[in-house]
Amino acid sequence: MWNYRLIGKKTSSPDELICWGIHEVYYDDDHNIEHWTEDPMDVFGLSPEEARSTYDMMAEAFTTPLLIEIEVNGELKLFPYKE
């Protein structure tokens, strides 16, 4: 199972700004996150209708809790984002 999620990644700027993007997130059978795309996804399709369908699926990412990518012991992990 997978869906699109809005993921924040800290930049290497002195202020450690957070850059947000929509990524594909994949889950195991227990709905735990297994992995996610390194780079944000683009809206695409082999037809205008297919591109619109991708866009609509991506828009759902704004209705789910935000995630943030953090490196822990040399491994990237996702956590719920807390402002």
PDB file of N, CA and C in Angstrom:
ATOM      1  N   MET A   1       0.838  -1.166   0.000  1.00  0.00           N
ATOM      2  CA  MET A   1       0.000   0.000   0.000  1.00  0.00           C
ATOM      3  C   MET A   1       0.893   1.244   0.000  1.00  0.00           C
ATOM      4  N   TRP A   2       0.443   2.293  -0.663  1.00  0.00           N
ATOM      5  CA  TRP A   2       1.199   3.538  -0.688  1.00  0.00           C
ATOM      6  C   TRP A   2       0.232   4.704  -0.850  1.00  0.00           C
ATOM      7  N   ASN A   3       0.742   5.904  -0.567  1.00  0.00           N
ATOM      8  CA  ASN A   3       0.007   7.132  -0.848  1.00  0.00           C
ATOM      9  C   ASN A   3       1.011   8.277  -0.944  1.00  0.00           C
ATOM     10  N   TYR A   4       0.504   9.440  -1.268  1.00  0.00           N
ATOM     11  CA  TYR A   4       1.342  10.630  -1.291  1.00  0.00           C
ATOM     12  C   TYR A   4       1.257  11.297   0.073  1.00  0.00           C
ATOM     13  N   ARG A   5       2.408  11.785   0.570  1.00  0.00           N
ATOM     14  CA  ARG A   5       2.442  12.480   1.843  1.00  0.00           C
ATOM     15  C   ARG A   5       3.328  13.711   1.713  1.00  0.00           C
ATOM     16  N   LEU A   6       3.013  14.735   2.471  1.00  0.00           N
ATOM     17  CA  LEU A   6       3.817  15.951   2.513  1.00  0.00           C
ATOM     18  C   LEU A   6       4.925  15.735   3.536  1.00  0.00           C
ATOM     19  N   ILE A   7       6.179  15.780   3.058  1.00  0.00           N
ATOM     20  CA  ILE A   7       7.343  15.513   3.905  1.00  0.00           C
ATOM     21  C   ILE A   7       8.252  16.738   3.919  1.00  0.00           C
ATOM     22  N   GLY A   8       8.671  17.109   5.114  1.00  0.00           N
ATOM     23  CA  GLY A   8       9.628  18.192   5.283  1.00  0.00           C
ATOM     24  C   GLY A   8      11.028  17.628   5.458  1.00  0.00           C
ATOM     25  N   LYS A   9      12.004  18.330   4.854  1.00  0.00           N
ATOM     26  CA  LYS A   9      13.409  17.951   4.996  1.00  0.00           C
ATOM     27  C   LYS A   9      14.182  19.209   5.371  1.00  0.00           C
ATOM     28  N   LYS A  10      15.028  19.099   6.392  1.00  0.00           N
ATOM     29  CA  LYS A  10      15.836  20.243   6.794  1.00  0.00           C
ATOM     30  C   LYS A  10      16.897  20.510   5.743  1.00  0.00           C
ATOM     31  N   THR A  11      17.107  21.792   5.457  1.00  0.00           N
ATOM     32  CA  THR A  11      18.143  22.185   4.508  1.00  0.00           C
ATOM     33  C   THR A  11      19.462  22.317   5.241  1.00  0.00           C
ATOM     34  N   SER A  12      20.521  22.450   4.487  1.00  0.00           N
ATOM     35  CA  SER A  12      21.844  22.625   5.094  1.00  0.00           C
ATOM     36  C   SER A  12      22.160  24.103   5.331  1.00  0.00           C
ATOM     37  N   SER A  13      21.149  24.951   5.227  1.00  0.00           N
ATOM     38  CA  SER A  13      21.362  26.374   5.473  1.00  0.00           C
ATOM     39  C   SER A  13      21.645  26.615   6.959  1.00  0.00           C
ATOM     40  N   PRO A  14      22.285  27.731   7.299  1.00  0.00           N
ATOM     41  CA  PRO A  14      22.574  28.024   8.711  1.00  0.00           C
ATOM     42  C   PRO A  14      21.307  28.050   9.576  1.00  0.00           C
ATOM     43  N   ASP A  15      20.181  28.425   8.996  1.00  0.00           N
ATOM     44  CA  ASP A  15      18.930  28.493   9.756  1.00  0.00           C
ATOM     45  C   ASP A  15      18.190  27.160   9.782  1.00  0.00           C
ATOM     46  N   GLU A  16      18.730  26.141   9.119  1.00  0.00           N
ATOM     47  CA  GLU A  16      18.081  24.834   9.008  1.00  0.00           C
ATOM     48  C   GLU A  16      16.610  24.971   8.613  1.00  0.00           C
ATOM     49  N   LEU A  17      16.377  25.683   7.524  1.00  0.00           N
ATOM     50  CA  LEU A  17      15.016  25.828   7.018  1.00  0.00           C
ATOM     51  C   LEU A  17      14.478  24.467   6.613  1.00  0.00           C
ATOM     52  N   ILE A  18      13.174  24.332   6.574  1.00  0.00           N
ATOM     53  CA  ILE A  18      12.560  23.080   6.160  1.00  0.00           C
ATOM     54  C   ILE A  18      11.963  23.270   4.771  1.00  0.00           C
ATOM     55  N   CYS A  19      12.313  22.372   3.863  1.00  0.00           N
ATOM     56  CA  CYS A  19      11.779  22.375   2.503  1.00  0.00           C
ATOM     57  C   CYS A  19      10.745  21.261   2.421  1.00  0.00           C
ATOM     58  N   TRP A  20       9.551  21.588   1.913  1.00  0.00           N
ATOM     59  CA  TRP A  20       8.443  20.637   1.873  1.00  0.00           C
ATOM     60  C   TRP A  20       8.203  20.135   0.461  1.00  0.00           C
ATOM     61  N   GLY A  21       7.839  18.864   0.342  1.00  0.00           N
ATOM     62  CA  GLY A  21       7.518  18.288  -0.951  1.00  0.00           C
ATOM     63  C   GLY A  21       6.580  17.107  -0.791  1.00  0.00           C
ATOM     64  N   ILE A  22       5.922  16.744  -1.873  1.00  0.00           N
ATOM     65  CA  ILE A  22       5.019  15.595  -1.873  1.00  0.00           C
ATOM     66  C   ILE A  22       5.799  14.374  -2.353  1.00  0.00           C
ATOM     67  N   HIS A  23       5.807  13.334  -1.521  1.00  0.00           N
ATOM     68  CA  HIS A  23       6.553  12.108  -1.799  1.00  0.00           C
ATOM     69  C   HIS A  23       5.611  10.914  -1.795  1.00  0.00           C
ATOM     70  N   GLU A  24       6.011   9.856  -2.485  1.00  0.00           N
ATOM     71  CA  GLU A  24       5.310   8.581  -2.360  1.00  0.00           C
ATOM     72  C   GLU A  24       5.814   7.920  -1.086  1.00  0.00           C
ATOM     73  N   VAL A  25       4.886   7.430  -0.262  1.00  0.00           N
ATOM     74  CA  VAL A  25       5.236   6.734   0.978  1.00  0.00           C
ATOM     75  C   VAL A  25       4.625   5.338   0.909  1.00  0.00           C
ATOM     76  N   TYR A  26       5.439   4.323   1.215  1.00  0.00           N
ATOM     77  CA  TYR A  26       5.028   2.925   1.133  1.00  0.00           C
ATOM     78  C   TYR A  26       4.943   2.323   2.534  1.00  0.00           C
ATOM     79  N   TYR A  27       3.929   1.470   2.745  1.00  0.00           N
ATOM     80  CA  TYR A  27       3.641   0.911   4.065  1.00  0.00           C
ATOM     81  C   TYR A  27       3.685  -0.609   4.027  1.00  0.00           C
ATOM     82  N   ASP A  28       3.973  -1.200   5.205  1.00  0.00           N
ATOM     83  CA  ASP A  28       3.887  -2.656   5.320  1.00  0.00           C
ATOM     84  C   ASP A  28       2.442  -3.051   5.627  1.00  0.00           C
ATOM     85  N   ASP A  29       2.206  -4.310   5.850  1.00  0.00           N
ATOM     86  CA  ASP A  29       0.851  -4.809   6.093  1.00  0.00           C
ATOM     87  C   ASP A  29       0.229  -4.259   7.370  1.00  0.00           C
ATOM     88  N   ASP A  30       1.071  -3.794   8.294  1.00  0.00           N
ATOM     89  CA  ASP A  30       0.578  -3.215   9.554  1.00  0.00           C
ATOM     90  C   ASP A  30       0.475  -1.691   9.489  1.00  0.00           C
ATOM     91  N   HIS A  31       0.587  -1.143   8.296  1.00  0.00           N
ATOM     92  CA  HIS A  31       0.484   0.299   8.043  1.00  0.00           C
ATOM     93  C   HIS A  31       1.649   1.104   8.619  1.00  0.00           C
ATOM     94  N   ASN A  32       2.785   0.450   8.855  1.00  0.00           N
ATOM     95  CA  ASN A  32       3.997   1.156   9.264  1.00  0.00           C
ATOM     96  C   ASN A  32       4.744   1.587   8.009  1.00  0.00           C
ATOM     97  N   ILE A  33       5.349   2.758   8.054  1.00  0.00           N
ATOM     98  CA  ILE A  33       6.098   3.243   6.895  1.00  0.00           C
ATOM     99  C   ILE A  33       7.328   2.378   6.685  1.00  0.00           C
ATOM    100  N   GLU A  34       7.462   1.867   5.454  1.00  0.00           N
ATOM    101  CA  GLU A  34       8.627   1.062   5.082  1.00  0.00           C
ATOM    102  C   GLU A  34       9.684   1.910   4.391  1.00  0.00           C
ATOM    103  N   HIS A  35       9.246   2.715   3.406  1.00  0.00           N
ATOM    104  CA  HIS A  35      10.177   3.591   2.694  1.00  0.00           C
ATOM    105  C   HIS A  35       9.397   4.674   1.954  1.00  0.00           C
ATOM    106  N   TRP A  36      10.136   5.635   1.406  1.00  0.00           N
ATOM    107  CA  TRP A  36       9.545   6.761   0.697  1.00  0.00           C
ATOM    108  C   TRP A  36      10.520   7.224  -0.373  1.00  0.00           C
ATOM    109  N   THR A  37      10.006   7.955  -1.336  1.00  0.00           N
ATOM    110  CA  THR A  37      10.867   8.443  -2.410  1.00  0.00           C
ATOM    111  C   THR A  37      11.800   9.520  -1.879  1.00  0.00           C
ATOM    112  N   GLU A  38      13.031   9.489  -2.356  1.00  0.00           N
ATOM    113  CA  GLU A  38      14.038  10.462  -1.926  1.00  0.00           C
ATOM    114  C   GLU A  38      13.671  11.872  -2.397  1.00  0.00           C
ATOM    115  N   ASP A  39      13.228  11.967  -3.636  1.00  0.00           N
ATOM    116  CA  ASP A  39      12.894  13.261  -4.221  1.00  0.00           C
ATOM    117  C   ASP A  39      11.381  13.438  -4.296  1.00  0.00           C
ATOM    118  N   PRO A  40      10.904  14.690  -4.230  1.00  0.00           N
ATOM    119  CA  PRO A  40       9.462  14.933  -4.391  1.00  0.00           C
ATOM    120  C   PRO A  40       9.001  14.487  -5.776  1.00  0.00           C
ATOM    121  N   MET A  41       7.729  14.181  -5.864  1.00  0.00           N
ATOM    122  CA  MET A  41       7.142  13.697  -7.112  1.00  0.00           C
ATOM    123  C   MET A  41       6.590  14.860  -7.930  1.00  0.00           C
ATOM    124  N   ASP A  42       6.509  14.649  -9.230  1.00  0.00           N
ATOM    125  CA  ASP A  42       5.899  15.605 -10.159  1.00  0.00           C
ATOM    126  C   ASP A  42       4.528  15.093 -10.578  1.00  0.00           C
ATOM    127  N   VAL A  43       3.671  16.004 -10.962  1.00  0.00           N
ATOM    128  CA  VAL A  43       2.392  15.615 -11.558  1.00  0.00           C
ATOM    129  C   VAL A  43       2.692  15.174 -12.988  1.00  0.00           C
ATOM    130  N   PHE A  44       2.222  14.002 -13.353  1.00  0.00           N
ATOM    131  CA  PHE A  44       2.463  13.483 -14.699  1.00  0.00           C
ATOM    132  C   PHE A  44       1.322  12.567 -15.104  1.00  0.00           C
ATOM    133  N   GLY A  45       1.281  12.217 -16.360  1.00  0.00           N
ATOM    134  CA  GLY A  45       0.289  11.291 -16.871  1.00  0.00           C
ATOM    135  C   GLY A  45       0.459  11.120 -18.363  1.00  0.00           C
ATOM    136  N   LEU A  46      -0.067  10.033 -18.880  1.00  0.00           N
ATOM    137  CA  LEU A  46      -0.005   9.778 -20.309  1.00  0.00           C
ATOM    138  C   LEU A  46      -1.145  10.455 -21.055  1.00  0.00           C
ATOM    139  N   SER A  47      -2.006  11.123 -20.298  1.00  0.00           N
ATOM    140  CA  SER A  47      -3.098  11.909 -20.872  1.00  0.00           C
ATOM    141  C   SER A  47      -3.417  13.019 -19.874  1.00  0.00           C
ATOM    142  N   PRO A  48      -4.107  14.050 -20.316  1.00  0.00           N
ATOM    143  CA  PRO A  48      -4.516  15.094 -19.371  1.00  0.00           C
ATOM    144  C   PRO A  48      -5.348  14.530 -18.221  1.00  0.00           C
ATOM    145  N   GLU A  49      -6.191  13.557 -18.507  1.00  0.00           N
ATOM    146  CA  GLU A  49      -7.030  12.963 -17.461  1.00  0.00           C
ATOM    147  C   GLU A  49      -6.183  12.214 -16.428  1.00  0.00           C
ATOM    148  N   GLU A  50      -5.186  11.502 -16.915  1.00  0.00           N
ATOM    149  CA  GLU A  50      -4.308  10.768 -16.004  1.00  0.00           C
ATOM    150  C   GLU A  50      -3.486  11.737 -15.151  1.00  0.00           C
ATOM    151  N   ALA A  51      -3.019  12.826 -15.744  1.00  0.00           N
ATOM    152  CA  ALA A  51      -2.287  13.844 -14.980  1.00  0.00           C
ATOM    153  C   ALA A  51      -3.196  14.449 -13.915  1.00  0.00           C
ATOM    154  N   ARG A  52      -4.455  14.691 -14.253  1.00  0.00           N
ATOM    155  CA  ARG A  52      -5.405  15.235 -13.280  1.00  0.00           C
ATOM    156  C   ARG A  52      -5.645  14.252 -12.137  1.00  0.00           C
ATOM    157  N   SER A  53      -5.710  12.966 -12.444  1.00  0.00           N
ATOM    158  CA  SER A  53      -5.891  11.947 -11.417  1.00  0.00           C
ATOM    159  C   SER A  53      -4.706  11.930 -10.451  1.00  0.00           C
ATOM    160  N   THR A  54      -3.493  12.036 -10.999  1.00  0.00           N
ATOM    161  CA  THR A  54      -2.295  12.111 -10.157  1.00  0.00           C
ATOM    162  C   THR A  54      -2.345  13.355  -9.281  1.00  0.00           C
ATOM    163  N   TYR A  55      -2.718  14.472  -9.851  1.00  0.00           N
ATOM    164  CA  TYR A  55      -2.845  15.724  -9.110  1.00  0.00           C
ATOM    165  C   TYR A  55      -3.846  15.570  -7.961  1.00  0.00           C
ATOM    166  N   ASP A  56      -4.988  14.965  -8.234  1.00  0.00           N
ATOM    167  CA  ASP A  56      -6.008  14.774  -7.198  1.00  0.00           C
ATOM    168  C   ASP A  56      -5.492  13.889  -6.072  1.00  0.00           C
ATOM    169  N   MET A  57      -4.754  12.832  -6.420  1.00  0.00           N
ATOM    170  CA  MET A  57      -4.184  11.966  -5.386  1.00  0.00           C
ATOM    171  C   MET A  57      -3.154  12.721  -4.550  1.00  0.00           C
ATOM    172  N   MET A  58      -2.367  13.573  -5.192  1.00  0.00           N
ATOM    173  CA  MET A  58      -1.372  14.362  -4.471  1.00  0.00           C
ATOM    174  C   MET A  58      -2.037  15.367  -3.535  1.00  0.00           C
ATOM    175  N   ALA A  59      -3.162  15.926  -3.957  1.00  0.00           N
ATOM    176  CA  ALA A  59      -3.865  16.903  -3.126  1.00  0.00           C
ATOM    177  C   ALA A  59      -4.296  16.288  -1.799  1.00  0.00           C
ATOM    178  N   GLU A  60      -4.547  14.986  -1.779  1.00  0.00           N
ATOM    179  CA  GLU A  60      -4.925  14.307  -0.543  1.00  0.00           C
ATOM    180  C   GLU A  60      -3.812  14.354   0.499  1.00  0.00           C
ATOM    181  N   ALA A  61      -2.567  14.575   0.072  1.00  0.00           N
ATOM    182  CA  ALA A  61      -1.445  14.669   1.015  1.00  0.00           C
ATOM    183  C   ALA A  61      -1.635  15.822   1.996  1.00  0.00           C
ATOM    184  N   PHE A  62      -2.391  16.823   1.598  1.00  0.00           N
ATOM    185  CA  PHE A  62      -2.617  17.986   2.458  1.00  0.00           C
ATOM    186  C   PHE A  62      -3.683  17.725   3.513  1.00  0.00           C
ATOM    187  N   THR A  63      -4.315  16.548   3.467  1.00  0.00           N
ATOM    188  CA  THR A  63      -5.342  16.203   4.448  1.00  0.00           C
ATOM    189  C   THR A  63      -4.824  15.215   5.491  1.00  0.00           C
ATOM    190  N   THR A  64      -3.560  14.810   5.378  1.00  0.00           N
ATOM    191  CA  THR A  64      -2.962  13.851   6.307  1.00  0.00           C
ATOM    192  C   THR A  64      -1.916  14.568   7.158  1.00  0.00           C
ATOM    193  N   PRO A  65      -1.563  13.998   8.313  1.00  0.00           N
ATOM    194  CA  PRO A  65      -0.551  14.638   9.162  1.00  0.00           C
ATOM    195  C   PRO A  65       0.777  14.824   8.430  1.00  0.00           C
ATOM    196  N   LEU A  66       1.430  15.943   8.705  1.00  0.00           N
ATOM    197  CA  LEU A  66       2.731  16.233   8.107  1.00  0.00           C
ATOM    198  C   LEU A  66       3.791  15.298   8.678  1.00  0.00           C
ATOM    199  N   LEU A  67       4.784  14.982   7.843  1.00  0.00           N
ATOM    200  CA  LEU A  67       5.911  14.154   8.267  1.00  0.00           C
ATOM    201  C   LEU A  67       7.196  14.948   8.099  1.00  0.00           C
ATOM    202  N   ILE A  68       8.205  14.622   8.916  1.00  0.00           N
ATOM    203  CA  ILE A  68       9.517  15.245   8.744  1.00  0.00           C
ATOM    204  C   ILE A  68      10.571  14.142   8.717  1.00  0.00           C
ATOM    205  N   GLU A  69      11.541  14.319   7.820  1.00  0.00           N
ATOM    206  CA  GLU A  69      12.630  13.356   7.665  1.00  0.00           C
ATOM    207  C   GLU A  69      13.786  13.795   8.558  1.00  0.00           C
ATOM    208  N   ILE A  70      14.232  12.874   9.414  1.00  0.00           N
ATOM    209  CA  ILE A  70      15.332  13.163  10.339  1.00  0.00           C
ATOM    210  C   ILE A  70      16.321  12.002  10.290  1.00  0.00           C
ATOM    211  N   GLU A  71      17.604  12.341  10.320  1.00  0.00           N
ATOM    212  CA  GLU A  71      18.636  11.309  10.348  1.00  0.00           C
ATOM    213  C   GLU A  71      18.869  10.874  11.787  1.00  0.00           C
ATOM    214  N   VAL A  72      18.771   9.568  12.029  1.00  0.00           N
ATOM    215  CA  VAL A  72      18.997   8.995  13.352  1.00  0.00           C
ATOM    216  C   VAL A  72      20.032   7.886  13.204  1.00  0.00           C
ATOM    217  N   ASN A  73      21.178   8.063  13.860  1.00  0.00           N
ATOM    218  CA  ASN A  73      22.264   7.072  13.785  1.00  0.00           C
ATOM    219  C   ASN A  73      22.612   6.717  12.345  1.00  0.00           C
ATOM    220  N   GLY A  74      22.684   7.727  11.491  1.00  0.00           N
ATOM    221  CA  GLY A  74      23.075   7.535  10.099  1.00  0.00           C
ATOM    222  C   GLY A  74      21.981   7.013   9.192  1.00  0.00           C
ATOM    223  N   GLU A  75      20.763   6.835   9.719  1.00  0.00           N
ATOM    224  CA  GLU A  75      19.648   6.323   8.930  1.00  0.00           C
ATOM    225  C   GLU A  75      18.522   7.356   8.895  1.00  0.00           C
ATOM    226  N   LEU A  76      17.964   7.591   7.701  1.00  0.00           N
ATOM    227  CA  LEU A  76      16.857   8.531   7.580  1.00  0.00           C
ATOM    228  C   LEU A  76      15.567   7.869   8.036  1.00  0.00           C
ATOM    229  N   LYS A  77      14.806   8.605   8.851  1.00  0.00           N
ATOM    230  CA  LYS A  77      13.527   8.115   9.367  1.00  0.00           C
ATOM    231  C   LYS A  77      12.492   9.218   9.234  1.00  0.00           C
ATOM    232  N   LEU A  78      11.225   8.829   9.202  1.00  0.00           N
ATOM    233  CA  LEU A  78      10.129   9.798   9.171  1.00  0.00           C
ATOM    234  C   LEU A  78       9.445   9.834  10.530  1.00  0.00           C
ATOM    235  N   PHE A  79       9.111  11.054  10.951  1.00  0.00           N
ATOM    236  CA  PHE A  79       8.423  11.280  12.206  1.00  0.00           C
ATOM    237  C   PHE A  79       7.277  12.259  11.969  1.00  0.00           C
ATOM    238  N   PRO A  80       6.248  12.219  12.824  1.00  0.00           N
ATOM    239  CA  PRO A  80       5.208  13.249  12.737  1.00  0.00           C
ATOM    240  C   PRO A  80       5.840  14.615  12.980  1.00  0.00           C
ATOM    241  N   TYR A  81       5.435  15.589  12.199  1.00  0.00           N
ATOM    242  CA  TYR A  81       5.972  16.949  12.328  1.00  0.00           C
ATOM    243  C   TYR A  81       5.196  17.707  13.390  1.00  0.00           C
ATOM    244  N   LYS A  82       5.940  18.328  14.301  1.00  0.00           N
ATOM    245  CA  LYS A  82       5.342  19.157  15.335  1.00  0.00           C
ATOM    246  C   LYS A  82       5.924  20.548  15.200  1.00  0.00           C
ATOM    247  N   GLU A  83       5.068  21.530  15.026  1.00  0.00           N
ATOM    248  CA  GLU A  83       5.546  22.909  14.863  1.00  0.00           C
ATOM    249  C   GLU A  83       6.117  23.448  16.141  1.00  0.00           C
TER     250      GLU A  83
END
